[in-house]
Amino acid sequence: MPLSKRARIEIYIPERETSDYALLENVFEQEFLHTFGGCTVIRNIKGMYLASEKRTEVEPVSLVYSDTPFDFDEHFDEIAEYTDDLRQAALEASDEESILIVVHEIFHSL
């Protein structure tokens, strides 16, 4: 069977004790569910980064991702615009300095 090239969109959301972050995660889940027909959520992933003075920070992170029906190359500009809008919405709804959104091509066996 031929492989079908698709784009996967992943959003990494810090897990915080506030309801705002739970709501933000739920909004992205619903966005992917209604836009692409579903999503996968993985919670309590270990996130690490270097903070000021080279101090290591560790925090739990949730990953929300969905595979789009779009060819990565053919729809690159539209996917880039869509993910820019997602990132901007996440920044406006949270206290984060940045939100990691990753897009990469994957191949489905149909």
Protein backbone atom coordinates (compact mmCIF):
# COMPACT_ATOMS: atom_id res chain seq x y z
CA MET A 1 0.00 0.00 0.00
CA PRO A 2 1.28 3.51 -0.71
CA LEU A 3 2.22 5.85 2.09
CA SER A 4 0.37 9.14 2.43
CA LYS A 5 2.43 12.18 3.48
CA ARG A 6 0.76 14.31 6.15
CA ALA A 7 1.58 17.12 8.55
CA ARG A 8 1.53 16.53 12.33
CA ILE A 9 1.01 19.52 14.63
CA GLU A 10 2.21 19.25 18.23
CA ILE A 11 1.60 21.77 21.03
CA TYR A 12 3.61 21.56 24.25
CA ILE A 13 1.70 23.16 27.15
CA PRO A 14 3.18 23.60 30.64
CA GLU A 15 1.08 21.94 33.32
CA ARG A 16 0.22 24.52 35.96
CA GLU A 17 -2.02 24.47 39.02
CA THR A 18 -4.29 27.16 37.56
CA SER A 19 -7.54 26.55 35.75
CA ASP A 20 -6.37 28.84 32.91
CA TYR A 21 -3.85 26.24 31.75
CA ALA A 22 -6.36 23.39 31.98
CA LEU A 23 -8.76 25.51 29.93
CA LEU A 24 -6.03 26.29 27.38
CA GLU A 25 -5.27 22.59 26.95
CA ASN A 26 -8.97 21.83 26.56
CA VAL A 27 -9.35 24.57 23.93
CA PHE A 28 -6.55 23.02 21.85
CA GLU A 29 -8.03 19.55 22.27
CA GLN A 30 -11.39 20.81 21.01
CA GLU A 31 -9.73 22.77 18.18
CA PHE A 32 -7.94 19.67 16.89
CA LEU A 33 -10.97 17.46 17.45
CA HIS A 34 -13.26 19.68 15.39
CA THR A 35 -10.69 20.76 12.79
CA PHE A 36 -8.95 17.44 12.10
CA GLY A 37 -11.33 14.86 13.57
CA GLY A 38 -9.27 13.97 16.64
CA CYS A 39 -6.12 14.40 18.65
CA THR A 40 -3.85 12.65 21.12
CA VAL A 41 -3.01 14.03 24.57
CA ILE A 42 -0.04 12.89 26.62
CA ARG A 43 0.21 14.39 30.10
CA ASN A 44 3.00 14.67 32.65
CA ILE A 45 5.92 14.67 30.23
CA LYS A 46 9.16 15.85 31.81
CA GLY A 47 10.17 19.23 30.37
CA MET A 48 13.61 20.70 31.07
CA TYR A 49 15.22 24.00 30.18
CA LEU A 50 18.05 26.26 31.29
CA ALA A 51 16.88 29.27 33.24
CA SER A 52 18.88 32.28 34.29
CA GLU A 53 22.35 31.63 35.68
CA LYS A 54 22.37 28.24 33.92
CA ARG A 55 20.01 26.79 36.50
CA THR A 56 18.08 23.73 35.28
CA GLU A 57 14.31 24.02 35.51
CA VAL A 58 12.11 20.93 35.34
CA GLU A 59 8.37 21.12 34.81
CA PRO A 60 5.59 18.79 33.73
CA VAL A 61 4.29 19.38 30.23
CA SER A 62 1.25 18.16 28.30
CA LEU A 63 1.55 17.32 24.62
CA VAL A 64 -1.52 17.76 22.40
CA TYR A 65 -1.07 16.65 18.80
CA SER A 66 -3.03 15.88 15.70
CA ASP A 67 -2.29 14.57 12.24
CA THR A 68 -3.75 16.77 9.55
CA PRO A 69 -5.14 15.49 6.25
CA PHE A 70 -2.84 17.92 4.43
CA ASP A 71 0.33 17.15 2.53
CA PHE A 72 3.19 18.84 4.41
CA ASP A 73 4.84 20.34 1.30
CA GLU A 74 1.76 21.29 -0.70
CA HIS A 75 0.12 23.14 2.21
CA PHE A 76 3.19 24.45 4.01
CA ASP A 77 2.14 28.13 3.93
CA GLU A 78 -1.37 27.42 5.23
CA ILE A 79 -0.04 25.16 7.99
CA ALA A 80 2.52 27.81 8.99
CA GLU A 81 -0.18 30.48 9.19
CA TYR A 82 -2.46 28.17 11.21
CA THR A 83 0.27 27.32 13.73
CA ASP A 84 1.26 30.99 14.04
CA ASP A 85 -2.36 31.71 14.99
CA LEU A 86 -2.34 28.84 17.52
CA ARG A 87 0.89 30.10 19.10
CA GLN A 88 -0.40 33.66 19.32
CA ALA A 89 -3.63 32.49 20.97
CA ALA A 90 -1.65 30.41 23.49
CA LEU A 91 0.62 33.34 24.35
CA GLU A 92 -2.35 35.65 24.86
CA ALA A 93 -4.13 33.10 27.08
CA SER A 94 -1.13 32.26 29.29
CA ASP A 95 1.72 33.83 31.23
CA GLU A 96 4.34 32.02 29.15
CA GLU A 97 7.19 33.76 27.35
CA SER A 98 6.97 31.16 24.59
CA ILE A 99 4.87 28.16 23.59
CA LEU A 100 6.47 25.37 21.58
CA ILE A 101 4.51 24.27 18.53
CA VAL A 102 6.14 21.69 16.28
CA VAL A 103 5.10 20.69 12.78
CA HIS A 104 6.69 17.83 10.93
CA GLU A 105 5.85 15.53 8.10
CA ILE A 106 4.78 12.00 8.82
CA PHE A 107 3.65 9.15 6.64
CA HIS A 108 0.46 7.14 7.11
CA SER A 109 -0.03 3.70 5.69
CA LEU A 110 -3.57 3.69 4.35
